[in-house]
Amino acid sequence: MKELIATIARALVDQADEVVVSEREGNPASILELRVAKEDLGKIIGKQGRTAKALRTILSAASAKMKKRTMLEIIE
């Protein structure tokens, strides 16, 4: 899951080397934290949050296939 989000995020931003994805294991679900450069934050969130919602939808579908629950947090 980490690599999936990192690959998509690197394709969207200008400063791909500053994309960092970390994972926190939670009891009911895992949480992926996505960090990007401040200048690229708008590209990850998108207009009205559409890009962020699409990332979360892809992550949800991929984790459901693996019978897990994973959430995405975008860290400023």
C-alpha atoms as a PDB file:
ATOM      1  CA  MET A   1       0.000   0.000   0.000  1.00  0.00           C
ATOM      2  CA  LYS A   2       2.838   2.387   0.859  1.00  0.00           C
ATOM      3  CA  GLU A   3       4.461   1.953  -2.534  1.00  0.00           C
ATOM      4  CA  LEU A   4       1.162   2.414  -4.368  1.00  0.00           C
ATOM      5  CA  ILE A   5       0.482   5.792  -2.748  1.00  0.00           C
ATOM      6  CA  ALA A   6       4.135   6.878  -3.079  1.00  0.00           C
ATOM      7  CA  THR A   7       4.190   6.065  -6.809  1.00  0.00           C
ATOM      8  CA  ILE A   8       0.967   7.945  -7.521  1.00  0.00           C
ATOM      9  CA  ALA A   9       2.038  10.940  -5.411  1.00  0.00           C
ATOM     10  CA  ARG A  10       5.453  11.156  -7.115  1.00  0.00           C
ATOM     11  CA  ALA A  11       3.713  11.271 -10.495  1.00  0.00           C
ATOM     12  CA  LEU A  12       1.531  14.190  -9.377  1.00  0.00           C
ATOM     13  CA  VAL A  13       4.067  16.517  -7.719  1.00  0.00           C
ATOM     14  CA  ASP A  14       6.976  18.603  -9.011  1.00  0.00           C
ATOM     15  CA  GLN A  15       9.380  17.711  -6.189  1.00  0.00           C
ATOM     16  CA  ALA A  16       9.113  13.924  -6.257  1.00  0.00           C
ATOM     17  CA  ASP A  17      12.145  13.426  -4.026  1.00  0.00           C
ATOM     18  CA  GLU A  18      10.287  15.033  -1.088  1.00  0.00           C
ATOM     19  CA  VAL A  19       7.403  12.541  -1.113  1.00  0.00           C
ATOM     20  CA  VAL A  20       7.441  10.496   2.099  1.00  0.00           C
ATOM     21  CA  VAL A  21       4.894   7.842   3.002  1.00  0.00           C
ATOM     22  CA  SER A  22       4.963   6.342   6.492  1.00  0.00           C
ATOM     23  CA  GLU A  23       2.670   3.720   7.981  1.00  0.00           C
ATOM     24  CA  ARG A  24       1.198   3.520  11.458  1.00  0.00           C
ATOM     25  CA  GLU A  25      -0.387   0.252  12.483  1.00  0.00           C
ATOM     26  CA  GLY A  26      -3.660   0.814  14.268  1.00  0.00           C
ATOM     27  CA  ASN A  27      -5.988  -1.648  15.919  1.00  0.00           C
ATOM     28  CA  PRO A  28      -8.887  -1.590  13.459  1.00  0.00           C
ATOM     29  CA  ALA A  29      -6.989  -0.032  10.551  1.00  0.00           C
ATOM     30  CA  SER A  30      -3.573   0.998   9.296  1.00  0.00           C
ATOM     31  CA  ILE A  31      -2.940   4.688   8.659  1.00  0.00           C
ATOM     32  CA  LEU A  32      -0.712   5.901   5.832  1.00  0.00           C
ATOM     33  CA  GLU A  33       0.718   9.385   6.295  1.00  0.00           C
ATOM     34  CA  LEU A  34       1.638  11.223   3.092  1.00  0.00           C
ATOM     35  CA  ARG A  35       4.039  14.161   3.286  1.00  0.00           C
ATOM     36  CA  VAL A  36       4.939  16.354   0.310  1.00  0.00           C
ATOM     37  CA  ALA A  37       6.640  19.712  -0.182  1.00  0.00           C
ATOM     38  CA  LYS A  38       4.476  22.704   0.790  1.00  0.00           C
ATOM     39  CA  GLU A  39       4.427  23.884  -2.829  1.00  0.00           C
ATOM     40  CA  ASP A  40       2.972  20.534  -3.949  1.00  0.00           C
ATOM     41  CA  LEU A  41       0.299  20.229  -1.274  1.00  0.00           C
ATOM     42  CA  GLY A  42      -2.347  21.774  -3.535  1.00  0.00           C
ATOM     43  CA  LYS A  43      -1.579  19.281  -6.290  1.00  0.00           C
ATOM     44  CA  ILE A  44      -2.117  16.355  -3.930  1.00  0.00           C
ATOM     45  CA  ILE A  45      -5.358  17.753  -2.515  1.00  0.00           C
ATOM     46  CA  GLY A  46      -6.736  18.999  -5.848  1.00  0.00           C
ATOM     47  CA  LYS A  47      -9.689  21.247  -6.527  1.00  0.00           C
ATOM     48  CA  GLN A  48     -12.306  20.745  -3.812  1.00  0.00           C
ATOM     49  CA  GLY A  49     -10.312  17.732  -2.585  1.00  0.00           C
ATOM     50  CA  ARG A  50     -10.979  15.620  -5.658  1.00  0.00           C
ATOM     51  CA  THR A  51      -7.434  14.300  -6.043  1.00  0.00           C
ATOM     52  CA  ALA A  52      -7.211  13.399  -2.346  1.00  0.00           C
ATOM     53  CA  LYS A  53     -10.580  11.659  -2.566  1.00  0.00           C
ATOM     54  CA  ALA A  54      -9.414   9.700  -5.612  1.00  0.00           C
ATOM     55  CA  LEU A  55      -6.251   8.618  -3.768  1.00  0.00           C
ATOM     56  CA  ARG A  56      -8.359   7.445  -0.834  1.00  0.00           C
ATOM     57  CA  THR A  57     -10.716   5.559  -3.155  1.00  0.00           C
ATOM     58  CA  ILE A  58      -7.825   3.736  -4.850  1.00  0.00           C
ATOM     59  CA  LEU A  59      -6.313   2.905  -1.457  1.00  0.00           C
ATOM     60  CA  SER A  60      -9.649   1.657  -0.160  1.00  0.00           C
ATOM     61  CA  ALA A  61     -10.182  -0.606  -3.170  1.00  0.00           C
ATOM     62  CA  ALA A  62      -6.655  -2.026  -2.995  1.00  0.00           C
ATOM     63  CA  SER A  63      -6.827  -2.666   0.750  1.00  0.00           C
ATOM     64  CA  ALA A  64     -10.286  -4.253   0.488  1.00  0.00           C
ATOM     65  CA  LYS A  65      -8.857  -6.742  -1.974  1.00  0.00           C
ATOM     66  CA  MET A  66      -6.284  -7.683   0.676  1.00  0.00           C
ATOM     67  CA  LYS A  67      -9.045  -7.806   3.350  1.00  0.00           C
ATOM     68  CA  LYS A  68      -7.477  -4.964   5.313  1.00  0.00           C
ATOM     69  CA  ARG A  69      -8.568  -1.451   6.183  1.00  0.00           C
ATOM     70  CA  THR A  70      -6.219   1.400   5.390  1.00  0.00           C
ATOM     71  CA  MET A  71      -6.740   5.144   5.750  1.00  0.00           C
ATOM     72  CA  LEU A  72      -4.790   7.997   4.177  1.00  0.00           C
ATOM     73  CA  GLU A  73      -3.782  11.175   5.991  1.00  0.00           C
ATOM     74  CA  ILE A  74      -2.182  14.041   4.107  1.00  0.00           C
ATOM     75  CA  ILE A  75       0.218  15.841   6.446  1.00  0.00           C
ATOM     76  CA  GLU A  76       1.024  19.505   5.928  1.00  0.00           C
END
